[in-house]
C-alpha atoms as a PDB file:
ATOM      1  CA  MET A   1     -13.505  -4.118 -27.924  1.00  0.00           C
ATOM      2  CA  GLY A   2     -13.934  -6.393 -30.974  1.00  0.00           C
ATOM      3  CA  THR A   3     -12.044  -9.355 -29.509  1.00  0.00           C
ATOM      4  CA  GLY A   4     -13.343 -12.616 -31.032  1.00  0.00           C
ATOM      5  CA  GLY A   5     -15.939 -10.909 -33.172  1.00  0.00           C
ATOM      6  CA  PRO A   6     -17.177  -7.586 -34.554  1.00  0.00           C
ATOM      7  CA  ARG A   7     -16.893  -4.638 -32.212  1.00  0.00           C
ATOM      8  CA  ASP A   8     -20.217  -3.817 -30.538  1.00  0.00           C
ATOM      9  CA  VAL A   9     -19.927  -0.881 -28.129  1.00  0.00           C
ATOM     10  CA  GLU A  10     -23.650  -0.827 -27.310  1.00  0.00           C
ATOM     11  CA  ASN A  11     -23.718  -4.452 -26.180  1.00  0.00           C
ATOM     12  CA  GLY A  12     -20.373  -4.000 -24.420  1.00  0.00           C
ATOM     13  CA  VAL A  13     -21.763  -1.117 -22.367  1.00  0.00           C
ATOM     14  CA  LYS A  14     -24.926  -3.120 -21.593  1.00  0.00           C
ATOM     15  CA  TRP A  15     -22.931  -6.023 -20.121  1.00  0.00           C
ATOM     16  CA  LEU A  16     -20.540  -3.759 -18.291  1.00  0.00           C
ATOM     17  CA  GLU A  17     -23.484  -1.953 -16.705  1.00  0.00           C
ATOM     18  CA  LYS A  18     -25.015  -5.297 -15.657  1.00  0.00           C
ATOM     19  CA  SER A  19     -21.686  -6.283 -14.134  1.00  0.00           C
ATOM     20  CA  ALA A  20     -21.359  -2.918 -12.400  1.00  0.00           C
ATOM     21  CA  ALA A  21     -24.915  -3.229 -11.028  1.00  0.00           C
ATOM     22  CA  ALA A  22     -23.855  -6.563  -9.521  1.00  0.00           C
ATOM     23  CA  GLY A  23     -21.025  -4.761  -7.679  1.00  0.00           C
ATOM     24  CA  GLU A  24     -18.096  -5.521 -10.002  1.00  0.00           C
ATOM     25  CA  THR A  25     -15.811  -2.511  -9.563  1.00  0.00           C
ATOM     26  CA  ASP A  26     -13.533  -3.426 -12.488  1.00  0.00           C
ATOM     27  CA  ALA A  27     -16.548  -2.941 -14.773  1.00  0.00           C
ATOM     28  CA  MET A  28     -17.235   0.440 -13.178  1.00  0.00           C
ATOM     29  CA  ARG A  29     -13.682   1.581 -13.896  1.00  0.00           C
ATOM     30  CA  VAL A  30     -13.793   0.262 -17.498  1.00  0.00           C
ATOM     31  CA  LEU A  31     -16.931   2.348 -18.050  1.00  0.00           C
ATOM     32  CA  ALA A  32     -15.260   5.359 -16.414  1.00  0.00           C
ATOM     33  CA  TYR A  33     -12.218   5.143 -18.685  1.00  0.00           C
ATOM     34  CA  GLY A  34     -14.466   4.621 -21.703  1.00  0.00           C
ATOM     35  CA  TYR A  35     -16.423   7.792 -20.997  1.00  0.00           C
ATOM     36  CA  GLU A  36     -13.291   9.747 -20.122  1.00  0.00           C
ATOM     37  CA  ASN A  37     -11.292   8.749 -23.202  1.00  0.00           C
ATOM     38  CA  GLY A  38     -14.163   8.428 -25.640  1.00  0.00           C
ATOM     39  CA  GLY A  39     -13.153   4.905 -26.666  1.00  0.00           C
ATOM     40  CA  GLY A  40     -16.256   4.081 -28.696  1.00  0.00           C
ATOM     41  CA  LEU A  41     -18.427   6.113 -26.329  1.00  0.00           C
ATOM     42  CA  ALA A  42     -19.409   9.756 -26.459  1.00  0.00           C
ATOM     43  CA  LYS A  43     -16.803  11.492 -24.344  1.00  0.00           C
ATOM     44  CA  ASP A  44     -18.379  12.527 -21.034  1.00  0.00           C
ATOM     45  CA  VAL A  45     -16.084  13.437 -18.125  1.00  0.00           C
ATOM     46  CA  VAL A  46     -19.039  13.848 -15.746  1.00  0.00           C
ATOM     47  CA  LYS A  47     -20.196  10.248 -16.343  1.00  0.00           C
ATOM     48  CA  ALA A  48     -16.581   9.132 -16.078  1.00  0.00           C
ATOM     49  CA  PHE A  49     -16.269  10.738 -12.656  1.00  0.00           C
ATOM     50  CA  GLU A  50     -19.594   9.213 -11.524  1.00  0.00           C
ATOM     51  CA  TRP A  51     -18.365   5.715 -12.392  1.00  0.00           C
ATOM     52  CA  PHE A  52     -14.999   6.285 -10.710  1.00  0.00           C
ATOM     53  CA  GLN A  53     -16.809   7.484  -7.602  1.00  0.00           C
ATOM     54  CA  LYS A  54     -19.129   4.475  -7.587  1.00  0.00           C
ATOM     55  CA  ALA A  55     -16.119   2.166  -7.788  1.00  0.00           C
ATOM     56  CA  ALA A  56     -14.339   4.046  -5.004  1.00  0.00           C
ATOM     57  CA  GLU A  57     -17.396   4.003  -2.754  1.00  0.00           C
ATOM     58  CA  ALA A  58     -17.623   0.249  -3.378  1.00  0.00           C
ATOM     59  CA  GLY A  59     -14.092  -0.093  -1.970  1.00  0.00           C
ATOM     60  CA  ASP A  60     -12.014  -0.282  -5.169  1.00  0.00           C
ATOM     61  CA  THR A  61      -8.572   0.947  -4.096  1.00  0.00           C
ATOM     62  CA  ASN A  62      -7.536   1.787  -7.676  1.00  0.00           C
ATOM     63  CA  ALA A  63     -10.527   4.094  -7.935  1.00  0.00           C
ATOM     64  CA  PHE A  64      -9.553   5.953  -4.732  1.00  0.00           C
ATOM     65  CA  LEU A  65      -6.672   7.544  -6.620  1.00  0.00           C
ATOM     66  CA  GLU A  66      -8.767   8.304  -9.705  1.00  0.00           C
ATOM     67  CA  VAL A  67     -11.397  10.108  -7.618  1.00  0.00           C
ATOM     68  CA  ALA A  68      -8.694  12.014  -5.725  1.00  0.00           C
ATOM     69  CA  ASP A  69      -7.073  13.182  -8.979  1.00  0.00           C
ATOM     70  CA  ARG A  70     -10.372  14.439 -10.359  1.00  0.00           C
ATOM     71  CA  TYR A  71     -11.395  16.246  -7.185  1.00  0.00           C
ATOM     72  CA  TYR A  72      -7.981  17.919  -7.311  1.00  0.00           C
ATOM     73  CA  ASP A  73      -8.137  19.135 -10.913  1.00  0.00           C
ATOM     74  CA  GLY A  74     -11.928  19.451 -11.227  1.00  0.00           C
ATOM     75  CA  SER A  75     -12.284  17.010 -14.140  1.00  0.00           C
ATOM     76  CA  GLY A  76     -15.945  15.921 -14.280  1.00  0.00           C
ATOM     77  CA  THR A  77     -16.734  17.479 -10.916  1.00  0.00           C
ATOM     78  CA  THR A  78     -16.139  20.609  -8.850  1.00  0.00           C
ATOM     79  CA  ALA A  79     -12.536  20.940  -7.688  1.00  0.00           C
ATOM     80  CA  ASP A  80     -12.402  20.307  -3.945  1.00  0.00           C
ATOM     81  CA  ALA A  81      -8.984  20.109  -2.261  1.00  0.00           C
ATOM     82  CA  GLN A  82     -10.386  18.687   0.995  1.00  0.00           C
ATOM     83  CA  LYS A  83     -12.187  15.828  -0.749  1.00  0.00           C
ATOM     84  CA  SER A  84      -9.121  15.260  -2.902  1.00  0.00           C
ATOM     85  CA  PHE A  85      -6.939  14.988   0.210  1.00  0.00           C
ATOM     86  CA  ALA A  86      -9.376  12.555   1.872  1.00  0.00           C
ATOM     87  CA  TRP A  87      -9.345  10.209  -1.140  1.00  0.00           C
ATOM     88  CA  TYR A  88      -5.575  10.476  -1.598  1.00  0.00           C
ATOM     89  CA  LEU A  89      -5.175   9.552   2.058  1.00  0.00           C
ATOM     90  CA  LYS A  90      -7.403   6.477   1.600  1.00  0.00           C
ATOM     91  CA  ALA A  91      -5.320   5.386  -1.372  1.00  0.00           C
ATOM     92  CA  ALA A  92      -2.062   6.137   0.455  1.00  0.00           C
ATOM     93  CA  GLU A  93      -3.114   4.070   3.455  1.00  0.00           C
ATOM     94  CA  ASN A  94      -3.828   1.243   1.026  1.00  0.00           C
ATOM     95  CA  GLY A  95      -0.257   1.372  -0.270  1.00  0.00           C
ATOM     96  CA  SER A  96      -0.476   3.512  -3.429  1.00  0.00           C
ATOM     97  CA  ALA A  97       2.962   5.104  -3.905  1.00  0.00           C
ATOM     98  CA  LYS A  98       1.584   7.902  -6.091  1.00  0.00           C
ATOM     99  CA  ALA A  99      -1.079   8.684  -3.489  1.00  0.00           C
ATOM    100  CA  GLN A 100       1.549   8.729  -0.733  1.00  0.00           C
ATOM    101  CA  TYR A 101       3.496  11.262  -2.784  1.00  0.00           C
ATOM    102  CA  CYS A 102       0.378  13.363  -3.372  1.00  0.00           C
ATOM    103  CA  VAL A 103      -0.523  13.317   0.333  1.00  0.00           C
ATOM    104  CA  GLY A 104       3.013  14.546   1.012  1.00  0.00           C
ATOM    105  CA  LEU A 105       2.580  17.387  -1.480  1.00  0.00           C
ATOM    106  CA  LEU A 106      -0.746  18.454   0.022  1.00  0.00           C
ATOM    107  CA  TYR A 107       0.672  18.429   3.564  1.00  0.00           C
ATOM    108  CA  GLU A 108       3.707  20.395   2.337  1.00  0.00           C
ATOM    109  CA  ARG A 109       1.529  23.022   0.625  1.00  0.00           C
ATOM    110  CA  GLY A 110      -1.331  23.042   3.127  1.00  0.00           C
ATOM    111  CA  GLU A 111      -3.881  22.216   0.423  1.00  0.00           C
ATOM    112  CA  GLY A 112      -7.034  20.440   1.576  1.00  0.00           C
ATOM    113  CA  THR A 113      -5.483  19.994   5.013  1.00  0.00           C
ATOM    114  CA  ALA A 114      -3.420  21.933   7.535  1.00  0.00           C
ATOM    115  CA  GLN A 115       0.176  22.539   6.467  1.00  0.00           C
ATOM    116  CA  ASP A 116       2.405  20.017   8.233  1.00  0.00           C
ATOM    117  CA  SER A 117       6.004  19.568   7.080  1.00  0.00           C
ATOM    118  CA  ARG A 118       6.634  16.555   9.311  1.00  0.00           C
ATOM    119  CA  GLU A 119       3.610  14.716   7.926  1.00  0.00           C
ATOM    120  CA  ALA A 120       4.789  15.659   4.427  1.00  0.00           C
ATOM    121  CA  VAL A 121       8.196  14.113   5.144  1.00  0.00           C
ATOM    122  CA  HIS A 122       6.530  10.974   6.543  1.00  0.00           C
ATOM    123  CA  TRP A 123       4.491  10.436   3.375  1.00  0.00           C
ATOM    124  CA  PHE A 124       7.318  11.351   0.999  1.00  0.00           C
ATOM    125  CA  LYS A 125       9.489   8.758   2.748  1.00  0.00           C
ATOM    126  CA  ALA A 126       6.716   6.163   2.381  1.00  0.00           C
ATOM    127  CA  ALA A 127       6.407   6.981  -1.332  1.00  0.00           C
ATOM    128  CA  ALA A 128      10.187   6.825  -1.830  1.00  0.00           C
ATOM    129  CA  GLU A 129      10.408   3.451  -0.081  1.00  0.00           C
ATOM    130  CA  ASN A 130       7.567   2.320  -2.350  1.00  0.00           C
ATOM    131  CA  GLY A 131       9.576   3.221  -5.447  1.00  0.00           C
ATOM    132  CA  TYR A 132       8.092   6.632  -6.306  1.00  0.00           C
ATOM    133  CA  ILE A 133      11.300   8.423  -7.271  1.00  0.00           C
ATOM    134  CA  ASP A 134       9.839  11.970  -7.452  1.00  0.00           C
ATOM    135  CA  ALA A 135       9.599  11.803  -3.653  1.00  0.00           C
ATOM    136  CA  PHE A 136      13.399  11.828  -3.322  1.00  0.00           C
ATOM    137  CA  ALA A 137      13.591  15.287  -4.906  1.00  0.00           C
ATOM    138  CA  GLU A 138      10.902  16.618  -2.584  1.00  0.00           C
ATOM    139  CA  LEU A 139      12.711  15.257   0.462  1.00  0.00           C
ATOM    140  CA  GLY A 140      15.978  16.745  -0.751  1.00  0.00           C
ATOM    141  CA  GLN A 141      14.375  20.172  -1.106  1.00  0.00           C
ATOM    142  CA  MET A 142      12.545  20.026   2.211  1.00  0.00           C
ATOM    143  CA  TYR A 143      15.603  19.154   4.282  1.00  0.00           C
ATOM    144  CA  ALA A 144      17.444  22.096   2.690  1.00  0.00           C
ATOM    145  CA  ASN A 145      14.747  24.769   2.434  1.00  0.00           C
ATOM    146  CA  ASP A 146      11.671  24.071   4.574  1.00  0.00           C
ATOM    147  CA  ALA A 147      11.400  26.722   7.277  1.00  0.00           C
ATOM    148  CA  ASN A 148       9.394  24.304   9.465  1.00  0.00           C
ATOM    149  CA  LEU A 149      12.151  21.668   9.585  1.00  0.00           C
ATOM    150  CA  PRO A 150      15.702  21.790  10.956  1.00  0.00           C
ATOM    151  CA  ARG A 151      18.063  22.205   7.991  1.00  0.00           C
ATOM    152  CA  ASP A 152      20.007  19.020   7.286  1.00  0.00           C
ATOM    153  CA  ASP A 153      22.327  19.326   4.297  1.00  0.00           C
ATOM    154  CA  GLY A 154      23.538  15.739   4.682  1.00  0.00           C
ATOM    155  CA  LYS A 155      20.024  14.321   4.349  1.00  0.00           C
ATOM    156  CA  SER A 156      19.225  16.752   1.556  1.00  0.00           C
ATOM    157  CA  ILE A 157      22.205  15.661  -0.548  1.00  0.00           C
ATOM    158  CA  ASP A 158      21.604  11.988   0.274  1.00  0.00           C
ATOM    159  CA  TYR A 159      17.987  12.068  -0.923  1.00  0.00           C
ATOM    160  CA  LEU A 160      18.865  14.057  -4.040  1.00  0.00           C
ATOM    161  CA  GLN A 161      21.617  11.588  -4.901  1.00  0.00           C
ATOM    162  CA  LYS A 162      19.228   8.666  -4.449  1.00  0.00           C
ATOM    163  CA  GLY A 163      16.680  10.346  -6.683  1.00  0.00           C
ATOM    164  CA  ALA A 164      19.268  11.223  -9.309  1.00  0.00           C
ATOM    165  CA  ALA A 165      20.664   7.685  -9.272  1.00  0.00           C
ATOM    166  CA  ALA A 166      17.110   6.411  -9.864  1.00  0.00           C
ATOM    167  CA  GLY A 167      16.783   8.697 -12.903  1.00  0.00           C
ATOM    168  CA  ASN A 168      14.830  11.631 -11.472  1.00  0.00           C
ATOM    169  CA  VAL A 169      15.660  14.693 -13.567  1.00  0.00           C
ATOM    170  CA  THR A 170      14.567  17.207 -10.915  1.00  0.00           C
ATOM    171  CA  ALA A 171      16.986  15.661  -8.417  1.00  0.00           C
ATOM    172  CA  MET A 172      19.806  15.872 -10.979  1.00  0.00           C
ATOM    173  CA  VAL A 173      19.143  19.565 -11.612  1.00  0.00           C
ATOM    174  CA  LEU A 174      18.896  20.324  -7.877  1.00  0.00           C
ATOM    175  CA  LEU A 175      22.236  18.601  -7.272  1.00  0.00           C
ATOM    176  CA  GLY A 176      23.746  20.663 -10.071  1.00  0.00           C
ATOM    177  CA  ILE A 177      22.450  23.857  -8.450  1.00  0.00           C
ATOM    178  CA  LYS A 178      23.866  22.856  -5.066  1.00  0.00           C
ATOM    179  CA  TYR A 179      27.333  22.194  -6.473  1.00  0.00           C
ATOM    180  CA  GLU A 180      27.253  25.332  -8.625  1.00  0.00           C
ATOM    181  CA  ASP A 181      26.216  27.573  -5.708  1.00  0.00           C
ATOM    182  CA  GLY A 182      28.123  25.765  -2.954  1.00  0.00           C
ATOM    183  CA  ASP A 183      24.831  25.329  -1.107  1.00  0.00           C
ATOM    184  CA  GLY A 184      25.365  22.751   1.650  1.00  0.00           C
ATOM    185  CA  VAL A 185      28.403  21.361  -0.205  1.00  0.00           C
ATOM    186  CA  ALA A 186      31.745  22.699  -1.376  1.00  0.00           C
ATOM    187  CA  ARG A 187      31.355  24.581  -4.664  1.00  0.00           C
ATOM    188  CA  ASP A 188      32.368  22.266  -7.491  1.00  0.00           C
ATOM    189  CA  TYR A 189      31.661  23.374 -11.061  1.00  0.00           C
ATOM    190  CA  ALA A 190      32.792  20.034 -12.474  1.00  0.00           C
ATOM    191  CA  LYS A 191      30.168  18.149 -10.426  1.00  0.00           C
ATOM    192  CA  ALA A 192      27.546  20.762 -11.257  1.00  0.00           C
ATOM    193  CA  ILE A 193      28.265  20.258 -14.967  1.00  0.00           C
ATOM    194  CA  GLU A 194      28.145  16.474 -14.524  1.00  0.00           C
ATOM    195  CA  TRP A 195      24.648  16.589 -13.000  1.00  0.00           C
ATOM    196  CA  TYR A 196      23.329  19.214 -15.398  1.00  0.00           C
ATOM    197  CA  GLU A 197      24.578  17.147 -18.342  1.00  0.00           C
ATOM    198  CA  ALA A 198      22.916  14.023 -16.933  1.00  0.00           C
ATOM    199  CA  ALA A 199      19.599  15.913 -16.789  1.00  0.00           C
ATOM    200  CA  ALA A 200      20.151  17.545 -20.191  1.00  0.00           C
ATOM    201  CA  ASN A 201      20.673  14.097 -21.710  1.00  0.00           C
ATOM    202  CA  LYS A 202      17.156  13.326 -20.486  1.00  0.00           C
ATOM    203  CA  LYS A 203      15.864  16.333 -22.464  1.00  0.00           C
ATOM    204  CA  SER A 204      15.620  18.753 -19.526  1.00  0.00           C
ATOM    205  CA  ALA A 205      15.514  22.243 -21.054  1.00  0.00           C
ATOM    206  CA  ASP A 206      16.114  23.727 -17.599  1.00  0.00           C
ATOM    207  CA  ALA A 207      19.358  21.734 -17.270  1.00  0.00           C
ATOM    208  CA  MET A 208      20.446  22.868 -20.743  1.00  0.00           C
ATOM    209  CA  TYR A 209      19.776  26.481 -19.761  1.00  0.00           C
ATOM    210  CA  ARG A 210      21.708  26.113 -16.516  1.00  0.00           C
ATOM    211  CA  LEU A 211      24.662  24.558 -18.349  1.00  0.00           C
ATOM    212  CA  GLY A 212      24.721  27.445 -20.788  1.00  0.00           C
ATOM    213  CA  THR A 213      24.489  29.987 -17.978  1.00  0.00           C
ATOM    214  CA  LEU A 214      27.245  28.283 -15.997  1.00  0.00           C
ATOM    215  CA  TYR A 215      29.620  28.241 -18.976  1.00  0.00           C
ATOM    216  CA  ARG A 216      28.733  31.881 -19.716  1.00  0.00           C
ATOM    217  CA  ALA A 217      29.308  33.237 -16.203  1.00  0.00           C
ATOM    218  CA  ALA A 218      31.620  30.794 -14.387  1.00  0.00           C
ATOM    219  CA  ASP A 219      34.937  31.835 -12.924  1.00  0.00           C
ATOM    220  CA  GLY A 220      38.292  30.866 -14.390  1.00  0.00           C
ATOM    221  CA  ASN A 221      38.772  27.908 -16.701  1.00  0.00           C
ATOM    222  CA  GLN A 222      35.112  26.878 -16.640  1.00  0.00           C
ATOM    223  CA  LYS A 223      34.050  29.948 -18.635  1.00  0.00           C
ATOM    224  CA  ASP A 224      33.466  28.873 -22.237  1.00  0.00           C
ATOM    225  CA  PHE A 225      31.359  31.030 -24.560  1.00  0.00           C
ATOM    226  CA  GLY A 226      31.297  28.313 -27.215  1.00  0.00           C
ATOM    227  CA  LYS A 227      29.712  25.792 -24.862  1.00  0.00           C
ATOM    228  CA  ALA A 228      27.470  28.487 -23.411  1.00  0.00           C
ATOM    229  CA  LEU A 229      26.108  29.230 -26.885  1.00  0.00           C
ATOM    230  CA  GLU A 230      25.713  25.506 -27.656  1.00  0.00           C
ATOM    231  CA  TRP A 231      23.679  24.719 -24.529  1.00  0.00           C
ATOM    232  CA  LEU A 232      21.629  27.899 -24.546  1.00  0.00           C
ATOM    233  CA  THR A 233      20.712  27.249 -28.182  1.00  0.00           C
ATOM    234  CA  LYS A 234      19.602  23.710 -27.295  1.00  0.00           C
ATOM    235  CA  ALA A 235      17.556  25.032 -24.375  1.00  0.00           C
ATOM    236  CA  GLY A 236      16.040  27.747 -26.556  1.00  0.00           C
ATOM    237  CA  ALA A 237      15.088  25.187 -29.193  1.00  0.00           C
ATOM    238  CA  HIS A 238      13.301  23.256 -26.440  1.00  0.00           C
ATOM    239  CA  GLY A 239      11.235  26.344 -25.605  1.00  0.00           C
ATOM    240  CA  ASN A 240      13.093  27.641 -22.534  1.00  0.00           C
ATOM    241  CA  ALA A 241      12.234  31.371 -22.434  1.00  0.00           C
ATOM    242  CA  LYS A 242      15.173  32.292 -20.193  1.00  0.00           C
ATOM    243  CA  ALA A 243      17.600  30.698 -22.650  1.00  0.00           C
ATOM    244  CA  GLN A 244      15.906  32.458 -25.553  1.00  0.00           C
ATOM    245  CA  TYR A 245      16.273  35.808 -23.790  1.00  0.00           C
ATOM    246  CA  ALA A 246      19.933  35.081 -22.928  1.00  0.00           C
ATOM    247  CA  LEU A 247      20.632  34.266 -26.583  1.00  0.00           C
ATOM    248  CA  GLY A 248      19.072  37.561 -27.619  1.00  0.00           C
ATOM    249  CA  ASP A 249      21.385  39.303 -25.154  1.00  0.00           C
ATOM    250  CA  ILE A 250      24.434  37.423 -26.450  1.00  0.00           C
ATOM    251  CA  TYR A 251      23.763  38.309 -30.093  1.00  0.00           C
ATOM    252  CA  GLU A 252      22.809  41.912 -29.314  1.00  0.00           C
ATOM    253  CA  TYR A 253      26.054  42.652 -27.506  1.00  0.00           C
ATOM    254  CA  GLY A 254      28.335  40.198 -29.307  1.00  0.00           C
ATOM    255  CA  GLN A 255      29.333  38.101 -26.297  1.00  0.00           C
ATOM    256  CA  GLY A 256      31.686  35.523 -27.820  1.00  0.00           C
ATOM    257  CA  VAL A 257      29.966  35.904 -31.207  1.00  0.00           C
ATOM    258  CA  PRO A 258      29.741  38.688 -33.805  1.00  0.00           C
ATOM    259  CA  ILE A 259      26.965  41.196 -33.094  1.00  0.00           C
ATOM    260  CA  ASP A 260      23.853  40.092 -34.970  1.00  0.00           C
ATOM    261  CA  ARG A 261      20.810  42.197 -34.143  1.00  0.00           C
ATOM    262  CA  SER A 262      18.609  40.183 -36.493  1.00  0.00           C
ATOM    263  CA  LYS A 263      19.309  36.995 -34.518  1.00  0.00           C
ATOM    264  CA  ALA A 264      18.979  38.931 -31.272  1.00  0.00           C
ATOM    265  CA  LEU A 265      15.518  40.179 -32.262  1.00  0.00           C
ATOM    266  CA  SER A 266      14.470  36.675 -33.332  1.00  0.00           C
ATOM    267  CA  TRP A 267      15.442  35.182 -29.944  1.00  0.00           C
ATOM    268  CA  PHE A 268      13.863  38.052 -28.003  1.00  0.00           C
ATOM    269  CA  MET A 269      10.600  37.532 -29.916  1.00  0.00           C
ATOM    270  CA  MET A 270      10.701  33.801 -29.135  1.00  0.00           C
ATOM    271  CA  ALA A 271      11.243  34.560 -25.446  1.00  0.00           C
ATOM    272  CA  ALA A 272       8.340  37.004 -25.449  1.00  0.00           C
ATOM    273  CA  SER A 273       6.067  34.458 -27.158  1.00  0.00           C
ATOM    274  CA  SER A 274       7.102  31.707 -24.732  1.00  0.00           C
ATOM    275  CA  ASN A 275       6.253  33.870 -21.733  1.00  0.00           C
ATOM    276  CA  ILE A 276       2.891  34.868 -23.193  1.00  0.00           C
ATOM    277  CA  LEU A 277       2.005  31.205 -23.790  1.00  0.00           C
ATOM    278  CA  LYS A 278       2.887  30.300 -20.184  1.00  0.00           C
ATOM    279  CA  ARG A 279       0.466  32.873 -18.731  1.00  0.00           C
END
């Protein structure tokens, strides 16, 4: 790395390989990251995966997760959901919060293993207790929507609130949706706006879109075309195709603004481009 003298990648690799041959798994992972990122080495994701796998097979718990990730997305190897699940489970059993979350996702989806909602909940809870805040949002959704679990709106709201309080944007948006729709709670537009704004302040384009839509379509005093236009424009600028389409609609028909078919066409074209890029 050039610490204490001139950088010498060739000699660095030589000593790392000697260390790895002696069973030092940290050296194996340093080589793996070097080949994966191309830090002085020719980028080679296949060699990177081979070194991660060697480290994992030598018992390196950090490498368990790396191997699982690459079996899942096929980076440097053939994608294999069953092998991915097996390595995630090893890492999860060794206390990795991210792996616990991933095991929960795979059980929830039935990828690489049989679908099992109760096992998914078990591993999401383990991840949440281990500080992995994305797990709170998953638990909140499962207790509200999973057909294989008894619906429990109290637990759903509780987990979403915990996730939102910890800064999870998905949990904030889901709470906003619940209060807007009156799903498991009394409908409360003010609380919906509060949670959407919290997520929007964290740059969530989805939350911006939902704020704009709420202000555009809400009943009574909450309807506000000015705020609808403000939030939909912010969401559109962040690439949200639904907001871009809504803005085209607003300008085409003059909803709270003068009719402007030029602006309408511009937003419709953006929405079309955004959807093409997502395919």
